[in-house]
Each structure stands twice: as C-alpha cells, then as structure tokens.
Amino acid sequence: MSERDSPDVEEGQRRGDVPSDAGSERRPRAGYAGPRLVVGLYLILVLVTATAGFLIATFVEGLEPPRFLFLVPFPATPLGFAAYGGLTLAIVLGIPLALVVYVSGRIDDDA
C-alpha cells in the first residue's frame, strides 16, 4: 500500500508539507535559506570580483601582471585579471567559510 492510498496519511502530508506539530524535526523548505544562501552569496561575490577584474583590465592601461598568492604570475590581460580576482576572493572567503562549517559540525549542540 502506498502513502497515497493510506487512510492514516493526511492530505497535507501527501503534498510534502510538514505538520504544525513537527517541532524541532521540521524539514527545511525549498528556497534560499541557511547553507544554500551562504553558498549562493559566496558564488555571486566570486563572480562579481572576477567580472571587476575583467573590466579593470579591459579599460585601464598599463597594468602590471598580478601575482596570485604572491607566487604565481598571471598575465596582464582581462582573463588574467578575472582569474586573479575570482581565485583570490574564493580563497580569502572560502578558507574561513570552510573552517566555520568544520567547527560548527564539531560543536556539541547540547552545550
């Protein structure tokens, strides 16, 4: 017998809704909240930075080649500056974000 045929299942539960008495075991709803929001903002910021690097290299003359992490030289082209900007911000924001995820997974929720 499927969930659809079961008389014990209410109409709201068939549609995937969470009953109001679910308490703390409530499933997250689809949308932009929590980790999904953070990852979305992270990707948007990286793309905006890469776009800014591309535009700077397109319209500003005489730029010196950037060095990613002070080690890897990138060409002084629009694509080089886009990669430099995107990668730099991805590292600068990504490492602390990964540490927050790691630490928050280790913290005891009962404390």
PDB file of N, CA and C in Angstrom:
ATOM      1  N   MET A   1       0.843  -1.169   0.000  1.00  0.00           N
ATOM      2  CA  MET A   1       0.000   0.000   0.000  1.00  0.00           C
ATOM      3  C   MET A   1       0.893   1.239   0.000  1.00  0.00           C
ATOM      4  N   SER A   2       0.644   2.161  -0.871  1.00  0.00           N
ATOM      5  CA  SER A   2       1.463   3.362  -0.975  1.00  0.00           C
ATOM      6  C   SER A   2       0.974   4.427  -0.002  1.00  0.00           C
ATOM      7  N   GLU A   3       1.798   5.473   0.137  1.00  0.00           N
ATOM      8  CA  GLU A   3       1.447   6.576   1.021  1.00  0.00           C
ATOM      9  C   GLU A   3       0.166   7.257   0.560  1.00  0.00           C
ATOM     10  N   ARG A   4      -0.027   7.292  -0.741  1.00  0.00           N
ATOM     11  CA  ARG A   4      -1.196   7.956  -1.318  1.00  0.00           C
ATOM     12  C   ARG A   4      -2.484   7.209  -0.951  1.00  0.00           C
ATOM     13  N   ASP A   5      -2.412   5.878  -0.852  1.00  0.00           N
ATOM     14  CA  ASP A   5      -3.593   5.077  -0.567  1.00  0.00           C
ATOM     15  C   ASP A   5      -3.869   4.921   0.918  1.00  0.00           C
ATOM     16  N   SER A   6      -2.922   5.265   1.761  1.00  0.00           N
ATOM     17  CA  SER A   6      -3.055   5.048   3.199  1.00  0.00           C
ATOM     18  C   SER A   6      -4.068   6.015   3.798  1.00  0.00           C
ATOM     19  N   PRO A   7      -5.043   5.499   4.550  1.00  0.00           N
ATOM     20  CA  PRO A   7      -6.023   6.400   5.180  1.00  0.00           C
ATOM     21  C   PRO A   7      -5.436   7.151   6.365  1.00  0.00           C
ATOM     22  N   ASP A   8      -4.284   6.694   6.896  1.00  0.00           N
ATOM     23  CA  ASP A   8      -3.674   7.336   8.056  1.00  0.00           C
ATOM     24  C   ASP A   8      -2.899   8.600   7.694  1.00  0.00           C
ATOM     25  N   VAL A   9      -2.661   8.812   6.418  1.00  0.00           N
ATOM     26  CA  VAL A   9      -1.882   9.963   5.977  1.00  0.00           C
ATOM     27  C   VAL A   9      -2.830  11.093   5.626  1.00  0.00           C
ATOM     28  N   GLU A  10      -2.616  12.240   6.254  1.00  0.00           N
ATOM     29  CA  GLU A  10      -3.466  13.392   5.992  1.00  0.00           C
ATOM     30  C   GLU A  10      -3.110  14.024   4.655  1.00  0.00           C
ATOM     31  N   GLU A  11      -4.003  14.850   4.152  1.00  0.00           N
ATOM     32  CA  GLU A  11      -3.804  15.496   2.852  1.00  0.00           C
ATOM     33  C   GLU A  11      -2.540  16.337   2.804  1.00  0.00           C
ATOM     34  N   GLY A  12      -2.251  17.092   3.853  1.00  0.00           N
ATOM     35  CA  GLY A  12      -1.071  17.951   3.881  1.00  0.00           C
ATOM     36  C   GLY A  12       0.216  17.152   3.814  1.00  0.00           C
ATOM     37  N   GLN A  13       0.217  15.958   4.401  1.00  0.00           N
ATOM     38  CA  GLN A  13       1.420  15.133   4.394  1.00  0.00           C
ATOM     39  C   GLN A  13       1.669  14.534   3.022  1.00  0.00           C
ATOM     40  N   ARG A  14       0.642  14.297   2.250  1.00  0.00           N
ATOM     41  CA  ARG A  14       0.835  13.763   0.903  1.00  0.00           C
ATOM     42  C   ARG A  14       1.536  14.773   0.007  1.00  0.00           C
ATOM     43  N   ARG A  15       1.268  16.030   0.227  1.00  0.00           N
ATOM     44  CA  ARG A  15       1.882  17.069  -0.598  1.00  0.00           C
ATOM     45  C   ARG A  15       3.301  17.399  -0.159  1.00  0.00           C
ATOM     46  N   GLY A  16       3.778  16.816   0.911  1.00  0.00           N
ATOM     47  CA  GLY A  16       5.125  17.100   1.369  1.00  0.00           C
ATOM     48  C   GLY A  16       5.188  18.192   2.417  1.00  0.00           C
ATOM     49  N   ASP A  17       4.017  18.692   2.852  1.00  0.00           N
ATOM     50  CA  ASP A  17       4.005  19.717   3.888  1.00  0.00           C
ATOM     51  C   ASP A  17       4.382  19.097   5.227  1.00  0.00           C
ATOM     52  N   VAL A  18       4.920  19.901   6.082  1.00  0.00           N
ATOM     53  CA  VAL A  18       5.282  19.450   7.415  1.00  0.00           C
ATOM     54  C   VAL A  18       4.149  19.820   8.352  1.00  0.00           C
ATOM     55  N   PRO A  19       3.641  18.859   9.140  1.00  0.00           N
ATOM     56  CA  PRO A  19       2.573  19.204  10.081  1.00  0.00           C
ATOM     57  C   PRO A  19       3.048  20.241  11.091  1.00  0.00           C
ATOM     58  N   SER A  20       2.117  21.031  11.610  1.00  0.00           N
ATOM     59  CA  SER A  20       2.491  22.104  12.524  1.00  0.00           C
ATOM     60  C   SER A  20       3.023  21.580  13.842  1.00  0.00           C
ATOM     61  N   ASP A  21       2.730  20.336  14.211  1.00  0.00           N
ATOM     62  CA  ASP A  21       3.219  19.791  15.467  1.00  0.00           C
ATOM     63  C   ASP A  21       4.544  19.053  15.313  1.00  0.00           C
ATOM     64  N   ALA A  22       5.257  19.288  14.220  1.00  0.00           N
ATOM     65  CA  ALA A  22       6.512  18.578  13.966  1.00  0.00           C
ATOM     66  C   ALA A  22       7.623  19.049  14.889  1.00  0.00           C
ATOM     67  N   GLY A  23       7.512  20.240  15.458  1.00  0.00           N
ATOM     68  CA  GLY A  23       8.500  20.740  16.415  1.00  0.00           C
ATOM     69  C   GLY A  23       9.870  20.932  15.794  1.00  0.00           C
ATOM     70  N   SER A  24      10.893  20.439  16.502  1.00  0.00           N
ATOM     71  CA  SER A  24      12.263  20.684  16.066  1.00  0.00           C
ATOM     72  C   SER A  24      12.685  19.784  14.918  1.00  0.00           C
ATOM     73  N   GLU A  25      11.866  18.810  14.562  1.00  0.00           N
ATOM     74  CA  GLU A  25      12.218  17.912  13.474  1.00  0.00           C
ATOM     75  C   GLU A  25      11.656  18.402  12.148  1.00  0.00           C
ATOM     76  N   ARG A  26      11.387  19.679  12.047  1.00  0.00           N
ATOM     77  CA  ARG A  26      10.832  20.271  10.830  1.00  0.00           C
ATOM     78  C   ARG A  26      11.865  20.247   9.716  1.00  0.00           C
ATOM     79  N   ARG A  27      11.457  19.785   8.565  1.00  0.00           N
ATOM     80  CA  ARG A  27      12.344  19.738   7.412  1.00  0.00           C
ATOM     81  C   ARG A  27      12.476  21.133   6.801  1.00  0.00           C
ATOM     82  N   PRO A  28      13.669  21.490   6.326  1.00  0.00           N
ATOM     83  CA  PRO A  28      13.812  22.803   5.687  1.00  0.00           C
ATOM     84  C   PRO A  28      13.021  22.849   4.386  1.00  0.00           C
ATOM     85  N   ARG A  29      12.404  23.950   4.156  1.00  0.00           N
ATOM     86  CA  ARG A  29      11.640  24.118   2.920  1.00  0.00           C
ATOM     87  C   ARG A  29      12.566  24.564   1.796  1.00  0.00           C
ATOM     88  N   ALA A  30      12.111  24.323   0.577  1.00  0.00           N
ATOM     89  CA  ALA A  30      12.897  24.744  -0.581  1.00  0.00           C
ATOM     90  C   ALA A  30      12.941  26.264  -0.617  1.00  0.00           C
ATOM     91  N   GLY A  31      14.044  26.801  -1.092  1.00  0.00           N
ATOM     92  CA  GLY A  31      14.195  28.240  -1.164  1.00  0.00           C
ATOM     93  C   GLY A  31      15.620  28.631  -0.845  1.00  0.00           C
ATOM     94  N   TYR A  32      15.798  29.876  -0.516  1.00  0.00           N
ATOM     95  CA  TYR A  32      17.125  30.391  -0.221  1.00  0.00           C
ATOM     96  C   TYR A  32      17.242  30.665   1.271  1.00  0.00           C
ATOM     97  N   ALA A  33      17.715  29.674   1.996  1.00  0.00           N
ATOM     98  CA  ALA A  33      17.903  29.828   3.439  1.00  0.00           C
ATOM     99  C   ALA A  33      19.069  28.966   3.882  1.00  0.00           C
ATOM    100  N   GLY A  34      19.722  29.378   4.947  1.00  0.00           N
ATOM    101  CA  GLY A  34      20.796  28.580   5.538  1.00  0.00           C
ATOM    102  C   GLY A  34      21.992  28.408   4.630  1.00  0.00           C
ATOM    103  N   PRO A  35      22.497  27.181   4.546  1.00  0.00           N
ATOM    104  CA  PRO A  35      23.695  26.917   3.753  1.00  0.00           C
ATOM    105  C   PRO A  35      23.537  27.260   2.277  1.00  0.00           C
ATOM    106  N   ARG A  36      22.341  27.063   1.749  1.00  0.00           N
ATOM    107  CA  ARG A  36      22.105  27.373   0.336  1.00  0.00           C
ATOM    108  C   ARG A  36      22.300  28.873   0.069  1.00  0.00           C
ATOM    109  N   LEU A  37      21.839  29.695   0.986  1.00  0.00           N
ATOM    110  CA  LEU A  37      22.003  31.145   0.854  1.00  0.00           C
ATOM    111  C   LEU A  37      23.477  31.533   0.922  1.00  0.00           C
ATOM    112  N   VAL A  38      24.201  30.956   1.873  1.00  0.00           N
ATOM    113  CA  VAL A  38      25.618  31.291   2.046  1.00  0.00           C
ATOM    114  C   VAL A  38      26.417  30.901   0.805  1.00  0.00           C
ATOM    115  N   VAL A  39      26.180  29.718   0.276  1.00  0.00           N
ATOM    116  CA  VAL A  39      26.907  29.279  -0.922  1.00  0.00           C
ATOM    117  C   VAL A  39      26.529  30.155  -2.117  1.00  0.00           C
ATOM    118  N   GLY A  40      25.268  30.512  -2.224  1.00  0.00           N
ATOM    119  CA  GLY A  40      24.841  31.395  -3.311  1.00  0.00           C
ATOM    120  C   GLY A  40      25.511  32.759  -3.244  1.00  0.00           C
ATOM    121  N   LEU A  41      25.555  33.341  -2.048  1.00  0.00           N
ATOM    122  CA  LEU A  41      26.226  34.630  -1.882  1.00  0.00           C
ATOM    123  C   LEU A  41      27.721  34.518  -2.174  1.00  0.00           C
ATOM    124  N   TYR A  42      28.324  33.424  -1.738  1.00  0.00           N
ATOM    125  CA  TYR A  42      29.744  33.184  -1.989  1.00  0.00           C
ATOM    126  C   TYR A  42      30.019  33.153  -3.494  1.00  0.00           C
ATOM    127  N   LEU A  43      29.229  32.403  -4.230  1.00  0.00           N
ATOM    128  CA  LEU A  43      29.423  32.310  -5.684  1.00  0.00           C
ATOM    129  C   LEU A  43      29.178  33.650  -6.377  1.00  0.00           C
ATOM    130  N   ILE A  44      28.176  34.375  -5.926  1.00  0.00           N
ATOM    131  CA  ILE A  44      27.899  35.689  -6.520  1.00  0.00           C
ATOM    132  C   ILE A  44      29.064  36.642  -6.276  1.00  0.00           C
ATOM    133  N   LEU A  45      29.597  36.652  -5.056  1.00  0.00           N
ATOM    134  CA  LEU A  45      30.738  37.531  -4.757  1.00  0.00           C
ATOM    135  C   LEU A  45      31.967  37.172  -5.585  1.00  0.00           C
ATOM    136  N   VAL A  46      32.231  35.891  -5.754  1.00  0.00           N
ATOM    137  CA  VAL A  46      33.376  35.474  -6.567  1.00  0.00           C
ATOM    138  C   VAL A  46      33.175  35.894  -8.021  1.00  0.00           C
ATOM    139  N   LEU A  47      31.973  35.719  -8.553  1.00  0.00           N
ATOM    140  CA  LEU A  47      31.705  36.120  -9.938  1.00  0.00           C
ATOM    141  C   LEU A  47      31.779  37.639 -10.122  1.00  0.00           C
ATOM    142  N   VAL A  48      31.295  38.390  -9.141  1.00  0.00           N
ATOM    143  CA  VAL A  48      31.374  39.854  -9.230  1.00  0.00           C
ATOM    144  C   VAL A  48      32.831  40.302  -9.218  1.00  0.00           C
ATOM    145  N   THR A  49      33.642  39.674  -8.387  1.00  0.00           N
ATOM    146  CA  THR A  49      35.062  40.031  -8.321  1.00  0.00           C
ATOM    147  C   THR A  49      35.778  39.677  -9.618  1.00  0.00           C
ATOM    148  N   ALA A  50      35.467  38.523 -10.173  1.00  0.00           N
ATOM    149  CA  ALA A  50      36.077  38.143 -11.452  1.00  0.00           C
ATOM    150  C   ALA A  50      35.658  39.114 -12.557  1.00  0.00           C
ATOM    151  N   THR A  51      34.403  39.507 -12.546  1.00  0.00           N
ATOM    152  CA  THR A  51      33.922  40.482 -13.533  1.00  0.00           C
ATOM    153  C   THR A  51      34.612  41.826 -13.355  1.00  0.00           C
ATOM    154  N   ALA A  52      34.803  42.251 -12.111  1.00  0.00           N
ATOM    155  CA  ALA A  52      35.501  43.515 -11.855  1.00  0.00           C
ATOM    156  C   ALA A  52      36.937  43.451 -12.357  1.00  0.00           C
ATOM    157  N   GLY A  53      37.610  42.325 -12.118  1.00  0.00           N
ATOM    158  CA  GLY A  53      38.973  42.167 -12.634  1.00  0.00           C
ATOM    159  C   GLY A  53      39.020  42.233 -14.143  1.00  0.00           C
ATOM    160  N   PHE A  54      38.062  41.596 -14.792  1.00  0.00           N
ATOM    161  CA  PHE A  54      37.989  41.631 -16.256  1.00  0.00           C
ATOM    162  C   PHE A  54      37.781  43.055 -16.752  1.00  0.00           C
ATOM    163  N   LEU A  55      36.851  43.781 -16.136  1.00  0.00           N
ATOM    164  CA  LEU A  55      36.553  45.148 -16.570  1.00  0.00           C
ATOM    165  C   LEU A  55      37.714  46.099 -16.297  1.00  0.00           C
ATOM    166  N   ILE A  56      38.388  45.927 -15.179  1.00  0.00           N
ATOM    167  CA  ILE A  56      39.544  46.789 -14.872  1.00  0.00           C
ATOM    168  C   ILE A  56      40.626  46.600 -15.925  1.00  0.00           C
ATOM    169  N   ALA A  57      40.917  45.351 -16.242  1.00  0.00           N
ATOM    170  CA  ALA A  57      41.965  45.092 -17.233  1.00  0.00           C
ATOM    171  C   ALA A  57      41.544  45.527 -18.632  1.00  0.00           C
ATOM    172  N   THR A  58      40.261  45.569 -18.885  1.00  0.00           N
ATOM    173  CA  THR A  58      39.776  45.995 -20.199  1.00  0.00           C
ATOM    174  C   THR A  58      39.917  47.501 -20.388  1.00  0.00           C
ATOM    175  N   PHE A  59      39.640  48.276 -19.352  1.00  0.00           N
ATOM    176  CA  PHE A  59      39.562  49.724 -19.513  1.00  0.00           C
ATOM    177  C   PHE A  59      40.738  50.513 -18.936  1.00  0.00           C
ATOM    178  N   VAL A  60      41.610  49.873 -18.161  1.00  0.00           N
ATOM    179  CA  VAL A  60      42.750  50.579 -17.574  1.00  0.00           C
ATOM    180  C   VAL A  60      44.015  50.150 -18.320  1.00  0.00           C
ATOM    181  N   GLU A  61      44.793  51.134 -18.721  1.00  0.00           N
ATOM    182  CA  GLU A  61      46.024  50.868 -19.470  1.00  0.00           C
ATOM    183  C   GLU A  61      47.225  50.745 -18.531  1.00  0.00           C
ATOM    184  N   GLY A  62      48.230  50.013 -18.937  1.00  0.00           N
ATOM    185  CA  GLY A  62      49.500  49.955 -18.232  1.00  0.00           C
ATOM    186  C   GLY A  62      49.494  49.196 -16.917  1.00  0.00           C
ATOM    187  N   LEU A  63      48.677  48.198 -16.793  1.00  0.00           N
ATOM    188  CA  LEU A  63      48.640  47.415 -15.550  1.00  0.00           C
ATOM    189  C   LEU A  63      49.789  46.400 -15.524  1.00  0.00           C
ATOM    190  N   GLU A  64      50.342  46.191 -14.354  1.00  0.00           N
ATOM    191  CA  GLU A  64      51.376  45.169 -14.196  1.00  0.00           C
ATOM    192  C   GLU A  64      50.702  43.818 -13.968  1.00  0.00           C
ATOM    193  N   PRO A  65      51.346  42.734 -14.366  1.00  0.00           N
ATOM    194  CA  PRO A  65      50.740  41.412 -14.155  1.00  0.00           C
ATOM    195  C   PRO A  65      50.576  41.109 -12.663  1.00  0.00           C
ATOM    196  N   PRO A  66      49.395  40.632 -12.273  1.00  0.00           N
ATOM    197  CA  PRO A  66      49.192  40.290 -10.858  1.00  0.00           C
ATOM    198  C   PRO A  66      49.867  38.963 -10.522  1.00  0.00           C
ATOM    199  N   ARG A  67      50.188  38.764  -9.247  1.00  0.00           N
ATOM    200  CA  ARG A  67      50.787  37.509  -8.791  1.00  0.00           C
ATOM    201  C   ARG A  67      49.847  36.885  -7.768  1.00  0.00           C
ATOM    202  N   PHE A  68      49.249  35.779  -8.142  1.00  0.00           N
ATOM    203  CA  PHE A  68      48.312  35.073  -7.278  1.00  0.00           C
ATOM    204  C   PHE A  68      49.063  34.483  -6.091  1.00  0.00           C
ATOM    205  N   LEU A  69      48.623  34.820  -4.882  1.00  0.00           N
ATOM    206  CA  LEU A  69      49.273  34.406  -3.637  1.00  0.00           C
ATOM    207  C   LEU A  69      50.749  34.793  -3.601  1.00  0.00           C
ATOM    208  N   PHE A  70      51.100  35.848  -4.285  1.00  0.00           N
ATOM    209  CA  PHE A  70      52.466  36.383  -4.375  1.00  0.00           C
ATOM    210  C   PHE A  70      53.447  35.389  -5.021  1.00  0.00           C
ATOM    211  N   LEU A  71      52.946  34.332  -5.632  1.00  0.00           N
ATOM    212  CA  LEU A  71      53.812  33.306  -6.205  1.00  0.00           C
ATOM    213  C   LEU A  71      53.587  33.075  -7.691  1.00  0.00           C
ATOM    214  N   VAL A  72      52.344  32.958  -8.096  1.00  0.00           N
ATOM    215  CA  VAL A  72      52.006  32.575  -9.463  1.00  0.00           C
ATOM    216  C   VAL A  72      51.673  33.823 -10.278  1.00  0.00           C
ATOM    217  N   PRO A  73      52.495  34.140 -11.264  1.00  0.00           N
ATOM    218  CA  PRO A  73      52.191  35.323 -12.090  1.00  0.00           C
ATOM    219  C   PRO A  73      51.051  35.029 -13.077  1.00  0.00           C
ATOM    220  N   PHE A  74      50.135  35.955 -13.156  1.00  0.00           N
ATOM    221  CA  PHE A  74      49.050  35.870 -14.130  1.00  0.00           C
ATOM    222  C   PHE A  74      49.316  36.907 -15.213  1.00  0.00           C
ATOM    223  N   PRO A  75      48.873  36.663 -16.427  1.00  0.00           N
ATOM    224  CA  PRO A  75      49.084  37.659 -17.493  1.00  0.00           C
ATOM    225  C   PRO A  75      48.245  38.908 -17.248  1.00  0.00           C
ATOM    226  N   ALA A  76      48.730  40.035 -17.719  1.00  0.00           N
ATOM    227  CA  ALA A  76      48.016  41.309 -17.551  1.00  0.00           C
ATOM    228  C   ALA A  76      46.982  41.474 -18.655  1.00  0.00           C
ATOM    229  N   THR A  77      46.110  40.498 -18.777  1.00  0.00           N
ATOM    230  CA  THR A  77      45.018  40.506 -19.746  1.00  0.00           C
ATOM    231  C   THR A  77      43.698  40.504 -18.983  1.00  0.00           C
ATOM    232  N   PRO A  78      42.598  40.798 -19.659  1.00  0.00           N
ATOM    233  CA  PRO A  78      41.311  40.741 -18.962  1.00  0.00           C
ATOM    234  C   PRO A  78      41.034  39.371 -18.325  1.00  0.00           C
ATOM    235  N   LEU A  79      41.358  38.295 -19.022  1.00  0.00           N
ATOM    236  CA  LEU A  79      41.132  36.966 -18.444  1.00  0.00           C
ATOM    237  C   LEU A  79      42.073  36.695 -17.269  1.00  0.00           C
ATOM    238  N   GLY A  80      43.297  37.179 -17.361  1.00  0.00           N
ATOM    239  CA  GLY A  80      44.241  37.014 -16.255  1.00  0.00           C
ATOM    240  C   GLY A  80      43.782  37.729 -15.000  1.00  0.00           C
ATOM    241  N   PHE A  81      43.285  38.962 -15.159  1.00  0.00           N
ATOM    242  CA  PHE A  81      42.793  39.709 -14.006  1.00  0.00           C
ATOM    243  C   PHE A  81      41.482  39.130 -13.484  1.00  0.00           C
ATOM    244  N   ALA A  82      40.642  38.600 -14.375  1.00  0.00           N
ATOM    245  CA  ALA A  82      39.403  37.956 -13.929  1.00  0.00           C
ATOM    246  C   ALA A  82      39.727  36.715 -13.104  1.00  0.00           C
ATOM    247  N   ALA A  83      40.658  35.903 -13.579  1.00  0.00           N
ATOM    248  CA  ALA A  83      41.050  34.711 -12.829  1.00  0.00           C
ATOM    249  C   ALA A  83      41.697  35.091 -11.506  1.00  0.00           C
ATOM    250  N   TYR A  84      42.543  36.092 -11.535  1.00  0.00           N
ATOM    251  CA  TYR A  84      43.212  36.550 -10.310  1.00  0.00           C
ATOM    252  C   TYR A  84      42.190  37.026  -9.273  1.00  0.00           C
ATOM    253  N   GLY A  85      41.255  37.874  -9.694  1.00  0.00           N
ATOM    254  CA  GLY A  85      40.250  38.393  -8.766  1.00  0.00           C
ATOM    255  C   GLY A  85      39.347  37.300  -8.221  1.00  0.00           C
ATOM    256  N   GLY A  86      38.856  36.443  -9.106  1.00  0.00           N
ATOM    257  CA  GLY A  86      37.966  35.370  -8.676  1.00  0.00           C
ATOM    258  C   GLY A  86      38.651  34.378  -7.757  1.00  0.00           C
ATOM    259  N   LEU A  87      39.849  33.950  -8.119  1.00  0.00           N
ATOM    260  CA  LEU A  87      40.578  32.985  -7.290  1.00  0.00           C
ATOM    261  C   LEU A  87      40.991  33.577  -5.945  1.00  0.00           C
ATOM    262  N   THR A  88      41.416  34.819  -5.961  1.00  0.00           N
ATOM    263  CA  THR A  88      41.832  35.453  -4.708  1.00  0.00           C
ATOM    264  C   THR A  88      40.663  35.544  -3.732  1.00  0.00           C
ATOM    265  N   LEU A  89      39.524  36.019  -4.207  1.00  0.00           N
ATOM    266  CA  LEU A  89      38.373  36.125  -3.316  1.00  0.00           C
ATOM    267  C   LEU A  89      37.852  34.745  -2.915  1.00  0.00           C
ATOM    268  N   ALA A  90      37.915  33.781  -3.819  1.00  0.00           N
ATOM    269  CA  ALA A  90      37.477  32.423  -3.478  1.00  0.00           C
ATOM    270  C   ALA A  90      38.316  31.857  -2.343  1.00  0.00           C
ATOM    271  N   ILE A  91      39.615  32.108  -2.362  1.00  0.00           N
ATOM    272  CA  ILE A  91      40.499  31.625  -1.294  1.00  0.00           C
ATOM    273  C   ILE A  91      40.263  32.420  -0.003  1.00  0.00           C
ATOM    274  N   VAL A  92      40.205  33.750  -0.128  1.00  0.00           N
ATOM    275  CA  VAL A  92      40.077  34.611   1.051  1.00  0.00           C
ATOM    276  C   VAL A  92      38.756  34.355   1.782  1.00  0.00           C
ATOM    277  N   LEU A  93      37.673  34.123   1.053  1.00  0.00           N
ATOM    278  CA  LEU A  93      36.388  33.833   1.695  1.00  0.00           C
ATOM    279  C   LEU A  93      36.171  32.342   1.928  1.00  0.00           C
ATOM    280  N   GLY A  94      36.726  31.513   1.056  1.00  0.00           N
ATOM    281  CA  GLY A  94      36.478  30.079   1.119  1.00  0.00           C
ATOM    282  C   GLY A  94      37.113  29.386   2.308  1.00  0.00           C
ATOM    283  N   ILE A  95      38.325  29.762   2.660  1.00  0.00           N
ATOM    284  CA  ILE A  95      39.001  29.119   3.793  1.00  0.00           C
ATOM    285  C   ILE A  95      38.270  29.406   5.103  1.00  0.00           C
ATOM    286  N   PRO A  96      37.960  30.665   5.431  1.00  0.00           N
ATOM    287  CA  PRO A  96      37.188  30.892   6.670  1.00  0.00           C
ATOM    288  C   PRO A  96      35.811  30.233   6.637  1.00  0.00           C
ATOM    289  N   LEU A  97      35.155  30.227   5.492  1.00  0.00           N
ATOM    290  CA  LEU A  97      33.847  29.590   5.392  1.00  0.00           C
ATOM    291  C   LEU A  97      33.960  28.087   5.640  1.00  0.00           C
ATOM    292  N   ALA A  98      34.978  27.456   5.077  1.00  0.00           N
ATOM    293  CA  ALA A  98      35.190  26.021   5.310  1.00  0.00           C
ATOM    294  C   ALA A  98      35.496  25.743   6.782  1.00  0.00           C
ATOM    295  N   LEU A  99      36.252  26.625   7.419  1.00  0.00           N
ATOM    296  CA  LEU A  99      36.542  26.454   8.845  1.00  0.00           C
ATOM    297  C   LEU A  99      35.283  26.590   9.697  1.00  0.00           C
ATOM    298  N   VAL A 100      34.414  27.523   9.352  1.00  0.00           N
ATOM    299  CA  VAL A 100      33.158  27.687  10.083  1.00  0.00           C
ATOM    300  C   VAL A 100      32.296  26.430   9.936  1.00  0.00           C
ATOM    301  N   VAL A 101      32.230  25.888   8.733  1.00  0.00           N
ATOM    302  CA  VAL A 101      31.446  24.672   8.514  1.00  0.00           C
ATOM    303  C   VAL A 101      32.034  23.519   9.312  1.00  0.00           C
ATOM    304  N   TYR A 102      33.351  23.394   9.308  1.00  0.00           N
ATOM    305  CA  TYR A 102      34.017  22.318  10.043  1.00  0.00           C
ATOM    306  C   TYR A 102      33.780  22.437  11.546  1.00  0.00           C
ATOM    307  N   VAL A 103      33.983  23.630  12.088  1.00  0.00           N
ATOM    308  CA  VAL A 103      33.820  23.835  13.530  1.00  0.00           C
ATOM    309  C   VAL A 103      32.360  23.675  13.939  1.00  0.00           C
ATOM    310  N   SER A 104      31.439  24.193  13.149  1.00  0.00           N
ATOM    311  CA  SER A 104      30.032  24.079  13.509  1.00  0.00           C
ATOM    312  C   SER A 104      29.553  22.634  13.466  1.00  0.00           C
ATOM    313  N   GLY A 105      30.176  21.816  12.653  1.00  0.00           N
ATOM    314  CA  GLY A 105      29.850  20.396  12.633  1.00  0.00           C
ATOM    315  C   GLY A 105      30.389  19.645  13.826  1.00  0.00           C
ATOM    316  N   ARG A 106      31.404  20.177  14.471  1.00  0.00           N
ATOM    317  CA  ARG A 106      32.034  19.536  15.629  1.00  0.00           C
ATOM    318  C   ARG A 106      31.466  19.993  16.966  1.00  0.00           C
ATOM    319  N   ILE A 107      30.773  21.122  16.979  1.00  0.00           N
ATOM    320  CA  ILE A 107      30.264  21.671  18.243  1.00  0.00           C
ATOM    321  C   ILE A 107      29.119  20.814  18.747  1.00  0.00           C
ATOM    322  N   ASP A 108      29.128  20.567  20.049  1.00  0.00           N
ATOM    323  CA  ASP A 108      28.071  19.801  20.675  1.00  0.00           C
ATOM    324  C   ASP A 108      26.846  20.704  20.829  1.00  0.00           C
ATOM    325  N   ASP A 109      25.735  20.318  20.217  1.00  0.00           N
ATOM    326  CA  ASP A 109      24.523  21.132  20.278  1.00  0.00           C
ATOM    327  C   ASP A 109      23.869  21.154  21.645  1.00  0.00           C
ATOM    328  N   ASP A 110      24.200  20.187  22.497  1.00  0.00           N
ATOM    329  CA  ASP A 110      23.608  20.140  23.825  1.00  0.00           C
ATOM    330  C   ASP A 110      24.195  21.160  24.782  1.00  0.00           C
ATOM    331  N   ALA A 111      25.355  21.702  24.444  1.00  0.00           N
ATOM    332  CA  ALA A 111      26.034  22.621  25.377  1.00  0.00           C
ATOM    333  C   ALA A 111      25.372  23.967  25.437  1.00  0.00           C
TER     334      ALA A 111
END
